[in-house]
């Protein structure tokens, strides 16, 4: 779970459909946290998923621009230890 910087928290107004709000309230009650805390954590997790997806996209784009050459990493094979005796 990510830490929230409490000195930077702002109040925001948002629109949410009634069914989703009931689910959020029910879940946050079950978890023993406030609605705001639940939504904050959900947003933080969504932001992290987006960040990771962007990094993965950049990684894939990099390999598309410069694919691995056959034998490029062979020099490291002797360095790998897979628990073999």
PDB file of N, CA and C in Angstrom:
ATOM      1  N   UNK A   1       0.854  -1.172   0.000  1.00  0.00           N
ATOM      2  CA  UNK A   1       0.000   0.000   0.000  1.00  0.00           C
ATOM      3  C   UNK A   1       0.900   1.235   0.000  1.00  0.00           C
ATOM      4  N   UNK A   2       0.537   2.230  -0.802  1.00  0.00           N
ATOM      5  CA  UNK A   2       1.325   3.449  -0.916  1.00  0.00           C
ATOM      6  C   UNK A   2       0.951   4.426   0.195  1.00  0.00           C
ATOM      7  N   UNK A   3       1.922   5.223   0.644  1.00  0.00           N
ATOM      8  CA  UNK A   3       1.655   6.236   1.661  1.00  0.00           C
ATOM      9  C   UNK A   3       1.045   7.471   1.016  1.00  0.00           C
ATOM     10  N   UNK A   4       0.134   8.084   1.732  1.00  0.00           N
ATOM     11  CA  UNK A   4      -0.497   9.312   1.279  1.00  0.00           C
ATOM     12  C   UNK A   4       0.124  10.460   2.051  1.00  0.00           C
ATOM     13  N   UNK A   5       0.514  11.512   1.341  1.00  0.00           N
ATOM     14  CA  UNK A   5       1.064  12.694   1.998  1.00  0.00           C
ATOM     15  C   UNK A   5      -0.104  13.540   2.491  1.00  0.00           C
ATOM     16  N   UNK A   6      -0.399  13.443   3.788  1.00  0.00           N
ATOM     17  CA  UNK A   6      -1.596  14.070   4.336  1.00  0.00           C
ATOM     18  C   UNK A   6      -1.589  15.585   4.228  1.00  0.00           C
ATOM     19  N   UNK A   7      -0.428  16.210   4.181  1.00  0.00           N
ATOM     20  CA  UNK A   7      -0.407  17.665   4.099  1.00  0.00           C
ATOM     21  C   UNK A   7      -0.784  18.149   2.701  1.00  0.00           C
ATOM     22  N   UNK A   8      -0.964  17.245   1.767  1.00  0.00           N
ATOM     23  CA  UNK A   8      -1.293  17.641   0.407  1.00  0.00           C
ATOM     24  C   UNK A   8      -2.678  17.146  -0.018  1.00  0.00           C
ATOM     25  N   UNK A   9      -3.458  16.630   0.895  1.00  0.00           N
ATOM     26  CA  UNK A   9      -4.777  16.107   0.561  1.00  0.00           C
ATOM     27  C   UNK A   9      -5.738  17.252   0.288  1.00  0.00           C
ATOM     28  N   UNK A  10      -6.489  17.122  -0.782  1.00  0.00           N
ATOM     29  CA  UNK A  10      -7.494  18.119  -1.149  1.00  0.00           C
ATOM     30  C   UNK A  10      -8.845  17.433  -1.266  1.00  0.00           C
ATOM     31  N   UNK A  11      -9.876  18.160  -1.005  1.00  0.00           N
ATOM     32  CA  UNK A  11     -11.229  17.660  -1.164  1.00  0.00           C
ATOM     33  C   UNK A  11     -11.653  17.856  -2.607  1.00  0.00           C
ATOM     34  N   UNK A  12     -12.207  16.792  -3.194  1.00  0.00           N
ATOM     35  CA  UNK A  12     -12.695  16.866  -4.570  1.00  0.00           C
ATOM     36  C   UNK A  12     -14.128  16.354  -4.617  1.00  0.00           C
ATOM     37  N   UNK A  13     -14.847  16.825  -5.594  1.00  0.00           N
ATOM     38  CA  UNK A  13     -16.211  16.357  -5.806  1.00  0.00           C
ATOM     39  C   UNK A  13     -16.196  15.505  -7.052  1.00  0.00           C
ATOM     40  N   UNK A  14     -16.890  14.371  -7.010  1.00  0.00           N
ATOM     41  CA  UNK A  14     -16.927  13.504  -8.181  1.00  0.00           C
ATOM     42  C   UNK A  14     -18.321  12.934  -8.356  1.00  0.00           C
ATOM     43  N   UNK A  15     -18.597  12.495  -9.564  1.00  0.00           N
ATOM     44  CA  UNK A  15     -19.875  11.876  -9.880  1.00  0.00           C
ATOM     45  C   UNK A  15     -19.644  10.376  -9.998  1.00  0.00           C
ATOM     46  N   UNK A  16     -20.505   9.599  -9.346  1.00  0.00           N
ATOM     47  CA  UNK A  16     -20.385   8.145  -9.362  1.00  0.00           C
ATOM     48  C   UNK A  16     -21.792   7.560  -9.341  1.00  0.00           C
ATOM     49  N   UNK A  17     -21.995   6.502 -10.102  1.00  0.00           N
ATOM     50  CA  UNK A  17     -23.349   5.949 -10.135  1.00  0.00           C
ATOM     51  C   UNK A  17     -23.673   5.268  -8.800  1.00  0.00           C
ATOM     52  N   UNK A  18     -24.955   5.209  -8.501  1.00  0.00           N
ATOM     53  CA  UNK A  18     -25.423   4.755  -7.191  1.00  0.00           C
ATOM     54  C   UNK A  18     -25.012   3.320  -6.894  1.00  0.00           C
ATOM     55  N   UNK A  19     -25.067   2.447  -7.886  1.00  0.00           N
ATOM     56  CA  UNK A  19     -24.705   1.045  -7.666  1.00  0.00           C
ATOM     57  C   UNK A  19     -23.238   0.908  -7.280  1.00  0.00           C
ATOM     58  N   UNK A  20     -22.359   1.616  -8.000  1.00  0.00           N
ATOM     59  CA  UNK A  20     -20.943   1.564  -7.682  1.00  0.00           C
ATOM     60  C   UNK A  20     -20.680   2.154  -6.300  1.00  0.00           C
ATOM     61  N   UNK A  21     -21.360   3.241  -5.969  1.00  0.00           N
ATOM     62  CA  UNK A  21     -21.185   3.855  -4.657  1.00  0.00           C
ATOM     63  C   UNK A  21     -21.596   2.893  -3.550  1.00  0.00           C
ATOM     64  N   UNK A  22     -22.688   2.163  -3.748  1.00  0.00           N
ATOM     65  CA  UNK A  22     -23.124   1.176  -2.759  1.00  0.00           C
ATOM     66  C   UNK A  22     -22.070   0.085  -2.594  1.00  0.00           C
ATOM     67  N   UNK A  23     -21.460  -0.340  -3.704  1.00  0.00           N
ATOM     68  CA  UNK A  23     -20.409  -1.361  -3.642  1.00  0.00           C
ATOM     69  C   UNK A  23     -19.176  -0.828  -2.902  1.00  0.00           C
ATOM     70  N   UNK A  24     -18.805   0.411  -3.197  1.00  0.00           N
ATOM     71  CA  UNK A  24     -17.657   1.031  -2.520  1.00  0.00           C
ATOM     72  C   UNK A  24     -17.933   1.132  -1.026  1.00  0.00           C
ATOM     73  N   UNK A  25     -19.108   1.613  -0.664  1.00  0.00           N
ATOM     74  CA  UNK A  25     -19.446   1.765   0.751  1.00  0.00           C
ATOM     75  C   UNK A  25     -19.477   0.418   1.462  1.00  0.00           C
ATOM     76  N   UNK A  26     -20.067  -0.578   0.828  1.00  0.00           N
ATOM     77  CA  UNK A  26     -20.140  -1.906   1.420  1.00  0.00           C
ATOM     78  C   UNK A  26     -18.743  -2.496   1.618  1.00  0.00           C
ATOM     79  N   UNK A  27     -17.921  -2.360   0.610  1.00  0.00           N
ATOM     80  CA  UNK A  27     -16.562  -2.909   0.690  1.00  0.00           C
ATOM     81  C   UNK A  27     -15.714  -2.157   1.697  1.00  0.00           C
ATOM     82  N   UNK A  28     -15.789  -0.836   1.688  1.00  0.00           N
ATOM     83  CA  UNK A  28     -14.993  -0.065   2.643  1.00  0.00           C
ATOM     84  C   UNK A  28     -15.448  -0.343   4.072  1.00  0.00           C
ATOM     85  N   UNK A  29     -16.745  -0.521   4.288  1.00  0.00           N
ATOM     86  CA  UNK A  29     -17.244  -0.891   5.625  1.00  0.00           C
ATOM     87  C   UNK A  29     -16.682  -2.244   6.047  1.00  0.00           C
ATOM     88  N   UNK A  30     -16.717  -3.205   5.124  1.00  0.00           N
ATOM     89  CA  UNK A  30     -16.214  -4.546   5.419  1.00  0.00           C
ATOM     90  C   UNK A  30     -14.716  -4.514   5.757  1.00  0.00           C
ATOM     91  N   UNK A  31     -13.978  -3.627   5.074  1.00  0.00           N
ATOM     92  CA  UNK A  31     -12.539  -3.505   5.319  1.00  0.00           C
ATOM     93  C   UNK A  31     -12.207  -2.612   6.511  1.00  0.00           C
ATOM     94  N   UNK A  32     -13.198  -1.899   7.010  1.00  0.00           N
ATOM     95  CA  UNK A  32     -12.988  -1.026   8.162  1.00  0.00           C
ATOM     96  C   UNK A  32     -12.221   0.237   7.829  1.00  0.00           C
ATOM     97  N   UNK A  33     -12.412   0.725   6.598  1.00  0.00           N
ATOM     98  CA  UNK A  33     -11.764   1.975   6.196  1.00  0.00           C
ATOM     99  C   UNK A  33     -12.817   2.931   5.663  1.00  0.00           C
ATOM    100  N   UNK A  34     -12.461   4.185   5.575  1.00  0.00           N
ATOM    101  CA  UNK A  34     -13.418   5.175   5.078  1.00  0.00           C
ATOM    102  C   UNK A  34     -13.577   5.058   3.563  1.00  0.00           C
ATOM    103  N   UNK A  35     -14.653   5.605   3.071  1.00  0.00           N
ATOM    104  CA  UNK A  35     -14.884   5.672   1.630  1.00  0.00           C
ATOM    105  C   UNK A  35     -13.723   6.391   0.942  1.00  0.00           C
ATOM    106  N   UNK A  36     -13.304   7.504   1.526  1.00  0.00           N
ATOM    107  CA  UNK A  36     -12.203   8.272   0.942  1.00  0.00           C
ATOM    108  C   UNK A  36     -10.921   7.454   0.882  1.00  0.00           C
ATOM    109  N   UNK A  37     -10.619   6.740   1.966  1.00  0.00           N
ATOM    110  CA  UNK A  37      -9.406   5.917   1.994  1.00  0.00           C
ATOM    111  C   UNK A  37      -9.478   4.823   0.940  1.00  0.00           C
ATOM    112  N   UNK A  38     -10.649   4.212   0.793  1.00  0.00           N
ATOM    113  CA  UNK A  38     -10.824   3.159  -0.204  1.00  0.00           C
ATOM    114  C   UNK A  38     -10.604   3.707  -1.616  1.00  0.00           C
ATOM    115  N   UNK A  39     -11.215   4.844  -1.910  1.00  0.00           N
ATOM    116  CA  UNK A  39     -11.096   5.442  -3.241  1.00  0.00           C
ATOM    117  C   UNK A  39      -9.667   5.911  -3.485  1.00  0.00           C
ATOM    118  N   UNK A  40      -9.022   6.488  -2.482  1.00  0.00           N
ATOM    119  CA  UNK A  40      -7.611   6.904  -2.622  1.00  0.00           C
ATOM    120  C   UNK A  40      -6.738   5.722  -2.995  1.00  0.00           C
ATOM    121  N   UNK A  41      -6.904   4.611  -2.260  1.00  0.00           N
ATOM    122  CA  UNK A  41      -6.084   3.430  -2.521  1.00  0.00           C
ATOM    123  C   UNK A  41      -6.377   2.861  -3.913  1.00  0.00           C
ATOM    124  N   UNK A  42      -7.655   2.844  -4.305  1.00  0.00           N
ATOM    125  CA  UNK A  42      -8.014   2.350  -5.632  1.00  0.00           C
ATOM    126  C   UNK A  42      -7.381   3.213  -6.725  1.00  0.00           C
ATOM    127  N   UNK A  43      -7.389   4.521  -6.530  1.00  0.00           N
ATOM    128  CA  UNK A  43      -6.774   5.427  -7.506  1.00  0.00           C
ATOM    129  C   UNK A  43      -5.265   5.250  -7.550  1.00  0.00           C
ATOM    130  N   UNK A  44      -4.648   5.066  -6.391  1.00  0.00           N
ATOM    131  CA  UNK A  44      -3.197   4.850  -6.356  1.00  0.00           C
ATOM    132  C   UNK A  44      -2.825   3.562  -7.086  1.00  0.00           C
ATOM    133  N   UNK A  45      -3.614   2.515  -6.876  1.00  0.00           N
ATOM    134  CA  UNK A  45      -3.351   1.249  -7.565  1.00  0.00           C
ATOM    135  C   UNK A  45      -3.550   1.391  -9.070  1.00  0.00           C
ATOM    136  N   UNK A  46      -4.566   2.134  -9.473  1.00  0.00           N
ATOM    137  CA  UNK A  46      -4.799   2.364 -10.900  1.00  0.00           C
ATOM    138  C   UNK A  46      -3.641   3.149 -11.510  1.00  0.00           C
ATOM    139  N   UNK A  47      -3.155   4.150 -10.808  1.00  0.00           N
ATOM    140  CA  UNK A  47      -2.027   4.939 -11.307  1.00  0.00           C
ATOM    141  C   UNK A  47      -0.772   4.067 -11.443  1.00  0.00           C
ATOM    142  N   UNK A  48      -0.557   3.174 -10.497  1.00  0.00           N
ATOM    143  CA  UNK A  48       0.601   2.282 -10.561  1.00  0.00           C
ATOM    144  C   UNK A  48       0.472   1.316 -11.743  1.00  0.00           C
ATOM    145  N   UNK A  49      -0.735   0.778 -11.973  1.00  0.00           N
ATOM    146  CA  UNK A  49      -0.953  -0.112 -13.131  1.00  0.00           C
ATOM    147  C   UNK A  49      -0.668   0.626 -14.430  1.00  0.00           C
ATOM    148  N   UNK A  50      -1.096   1.868 -14.520  1.00  0.00           N
ATOM    149  CA  UNK A  50      -0.856   2.676 -15.721  1.00  0.00           C
ATOM    150  C   UNK A  50       0.636   2.930 -15.897  1.00  0.00           C
ATOM    151  N   UNK A  51       1.342   3.248 -14.797  1.00  0.00           N
ATOM    152  CA  UNK A  51       2.784   3.484 -14.860  1.00  0.00           C
ATOM    153  C   UNK A  51       3.521   2.247 -15.357  1.00  0.00           C
ATOM    154  N   UNK A  52       3.160   1.087 -14.808  1.00  0.00           N
ATOM    155  CA  UNK A  52       3.801  -0.169 -15.209  1.00  0.00           C
ATOM    156  C   UNK A  52       3.476  -0.482 -16.677  1.00  0.00           C
ATOM    157  N   UNK A  53       2.234  -0.274 -17.086  1.00  0.00           N
ATOM    158  CA  UNK A  53       1.858  -0.522 -18.480  1.00  0.00           C
ATOM    159  C   UNK A  53       2.646   0.377 -19.430  1.00  0.00           C
ATOM    160  N   UNK A  54       2.857   1.627 -19.036  1.00  0.00           N
ATOM    161  CA  UNK A  54       3.643   2.546 -19.871  1.00  0.00           C
ATOM    162  C   UNK A  54       5.095   2.092 -19.966  1.00  0.00           C
ATOM    163  N   UNK A  55       5.664   1.639 -18.849  1.00  0.00           N
ATOM    164  CA  UNK A  55       7.038   1.131 -18.871  1.00  0.00           C
ATOM    165  C   UNK A  55       7.144  -0.115 -19.751  1.00  0.00           C
ATOM    166  N   UNK A  56       6.149  -0.999 -19.655  1.00  0.00           N
ATOM    167  CA  UNK A  56       6.151  -2.201 -20.494  1.00  0.00           C
ATOM    168  C   UNK A  56       6.041  -1.834 -21.973  1.00  0.00           C
ATOM    169  N   UNK A  57       5.219  -0.834 -22.284  1.00  0.00           N
ATOM    170  CA  UNK A  57       5.075  -0.384 -23.677  1.00  0.00           C
ATOM    171  C   UNK A  57       6.396   0.177 -24.185  1.00  0.00           C
ATOM    172  N   UNK A  58       7.061   0.989 -23.363  1.00  0.00           N
ATOM    173  CA  UNK A  58       8.360   1.551 -23.755  1.00  0.00           C
ATOM    174  C   UNK A  58       9.398   0.452 -23.944  1.00  0.00           C
ATOM    175  N   UNK A  59       9.376  -0.535 -23.072  1.00  0.00           N
ATOM    176  CA  UNK A  59      10.304  -1.654 -23.155  1.00  0.00           C
ATOM    177  C   UNK A  59      10.085  -2.417 -24.464  1.00  0.00           C
ATOM    178  N   UNK A  60       8.835  -2.724 -24.765  1.00  0.00           N
ATOM    179  CA  UNK A  60       8.518  -3.441 -26.004  1.00  0.00           C
ATOM    180  C   UNK A  60       8.896  -2.610 -27.222  1.00  0.00           C
ATOM    181  N   UNK A  61       8.640  -1.306 -27.181  1.00  0.00           N
ATOM    182  CA  UNK A  61       8.989  -0.427 -28.305  1.00  0.00           C
ATOM    183  C   UNK A  61      10.496  -0.404 -28.511  1.00  0.00           C
ATOM    184  N   UNK A  62      11.250  -0.411 -27.420  1.00  0.00           N
ATOM    185  CA  UNK A  62      12.701  -0.424 -27.521  1.00  0.00           C
ATOM    186  C   UNK A  62      13.205  -1.687 -28.196  1.00  0.00           C
ATOM    187  N   UNK A  63      12.641  -2.831 -27.824  1.00  0.00           N
ATOM    188  CA  UNK A  63      13.047  -4.085 -28.460  1.00  0.00           C
ATOM    189  C   UNK A  63      12.550  -4.170 -29.898  1.00  0.00           C
ATOM    190  N   UNK A  64      11.438  -3.504 -30.198  1.00  0.00           N
ATOM    191  CA  UNK A  64      10.965  -3.484 -31.593  1.00  0.00           C
ATOM    192  C   UNK A  64      11.921  -2.664 -32.454  1.00  0.00           C
ATOM    193  N   UNK A  65      12.440  -1.565 -31.887  1.00  0.00           N
ATOM    194  CA  UNK A  65      13.400  -0.730 -32.625  1.00  0.00           C
ATOM    195  C   UNK A  65      14.755  -1.407 -32.754  1.00  0.00           C
ATOM    196  N   UNK A  66      15.162  -2.113 -31.706  1.00  0.00           N
ATOM    197  CA  UNK A  66      16.481  -2.759 -31.698  1.00  0.00           C
ATOM    198  C   UNK A  66      16.323  -4.169 -31.123  1.00  0.00           C
ATOM    199  N   UNK A  67      15.906  -5.120 -31.965  1.00  0.00           N
ATOM    200  CA  UNK A  67      15.692  -6.491 -31.481  1.00  0.00           C
ATOM    201  C   UNK A  67      16.991  -7.126 -30.990  1.00  0.00           C
ATOM    202  N   UNK A  68      16.843  -8.087 -30.118  1.00  0.00           N
ATOM    203  CA  UNK A  68      17.991  -8.839 -29.622  1.00  0.00           C
ATOM    204  C   UNK A  68      18.591  -9.618 -30.790  1.00  0.00           C
ATOM    205  N   UNK A  69      19.892  -9.538 -30.897  1.00  0.00           N
ATOM    206  CA  UNK A  69      20.605 -10.267 -31.945  1.00  0.00           C
ATOM    207  C   UNK A  69      20.886 -11.690 -31.473  1.00  0.00           C
ATOM    208  N   UNK A  70      20.851 -12.669 -32.377  1.00  0.00           N
ATOM    209  CA  UNK A  70      21.203 -14.037 -31.982  1.00  0.00           C
ATOM    210  C   UNK A  70      22.595 -14.048 -31.350  1.00  0.00           C
ATOM    211  N   UNK A  71      22.721 -14.678 -30.193  1.00  0.00           N
ATOM    212  CA  UNK A  71      23.992 -14.780 -29.505  1.00  0.00           C
ATOM    213  C   UNK A  71      24.353 -13.576 -28.660  1.00  0.00           C
ATOM    214  N   UNK A  72      23.520 -12.541 -28.671  1.00  0.00           N
ATOM    215  CA  UNK A  72      23.836 -11.296 -27.964  1.00  0.00           C
ATOM    216  C   UNK A  72      24.086 -11.499 -26.466  1.00  0.00           C
ATOM    217  N   UNK A  73      23.349 -12.398 -25.857  1.00  0.00           N
ATOM    218  CA  UNK A  73      23.472 -12.604 -24.421  1.00  0.00           C
ATOM    219  C   UNK A  73      24.124 -13.932 -24.064  1.00  0.00           C
ATOM    220  N   UNK A  74      24.658 -14.638 -25.038  1.00  0.00           N
ATOM    221  CA  UNK A  74      25.279 -15.935 -24.782  1.00  0.00           C
ATOM    222  C   UNK A  74      26.432 -15.840 -23.793  1.00  0.00           C
ATOM    223  N   UNK A  75      27.132 -14.714 -23.774  1.00  0.00           N
ATOM    224  CA  UNK A  75      28.278 -14.541 -22.893  1.00  0.00           C
ATOM    225  C   UNK A  75      27.884 -14.697 -21.422  1.00  0.00           C
ATOM    226  N   UNK A  76      26.625 -14.464 -21.107  1.00  0.00           N
ATOM    227  CA  UNK A  76      26.162 -14.540 -19.719  1.00  0.00           C
ATOM    228  C   UNK A  76      25.688 -15.929 -19.319  1.00  0.00           C
ATOM    229  N   UNK A  77      25.577 -16.868 -20.248  1.00  0.00           N
ATOM    230  CA  UNK A  77      25.060 -18.195 -19.909  1.00  0.00           C
ATOM    231  C   UNK A  77      25.888 -18.886 -18.837  1.00  0.00           C
ATOM    232  N   UNK A  78      27.198 -18.742 -18.866  1.00  0.00           N
ATOM    233  CA  UNK A  78      28.062 -19.383 -17.870  1.00  0.00           C
ATOM    234  C   UNK A  78      27.862 -18.773 -16.484  1.00  0.00           C
ATOM    235  N   UNK A  79      27.343 -17.547 -16.415  1.00  0.00           N
ATOM    236  CA  UNK A  79      27.143 -16.854 -15.142  1.00  0.00           C
ATOM    237  C   UNK A  79      25.851 -17.261 -14.447  1.00  0.00           C
ATOM    238  N   UNK A  80      24.952 -17.898 -15.176  1.00  0.00           N
ATOM    239  CA  UNK A  80      23.651 -18.257 -14.609  1.00  0.00           C
ATOM    240  C   UNK A  80      23.786 -19.485 -13.730  1.00  0.00           C
ATOM    241  N   UNK A  81      23.183 -19.425 -12.570  1.00  0.00           N
ATOM    242  CA  UNK A  81      23.158 -20.561 -11.653  1.00  0.00           C
ATOM    243  C   UNK A  81      21.701 -20.911 -11.375  1.00  0.00           C
ATOM    244  N   UNK A  82      21.298 -22.093 -11.756  1.00  0.00           N
ATOM    245  CA  UNK A  82      19.922 -22.516 -11.609  1.00  0.00           C
ATOM    246  C   UNK A  82      19.780 -23.592 -10.548  1.00  0.00           C
ATOM    247  N   UNK A  83      20.693 -23.603  -9.584  1.00  0.00           N
ATOM    248  CA  UNK A  83      20.590 -24.568  -8.494  1.00  0.00           C
ATOM    249  C   UNK A  83      21.071 -25.956  -8.880  1.00  0.00           C
ATOM    250  N   UNK A  84      21.789 -26.072  -9.967  1.00  0.00           N
ATOM    251  CA  UNK A  84      22.316 -27.366 -10.377  1.00  0.00           C
ATOM    252  C   UNK A  84      23.568 -27.675  -9.567  1.00  0.00           C
ATOM    253  N   UNK A  85      23.756 -28.947  -9.176  1.00  0.00           N
ATOM    254  CA  UNK A  85      24.929 -29.310  -8.379  1.00  0.00           C
ATOM    255  C   UNK A  85      26.239 -29.177  -9.160  1.00  0.00           C
TER     256      UNK A  85
END
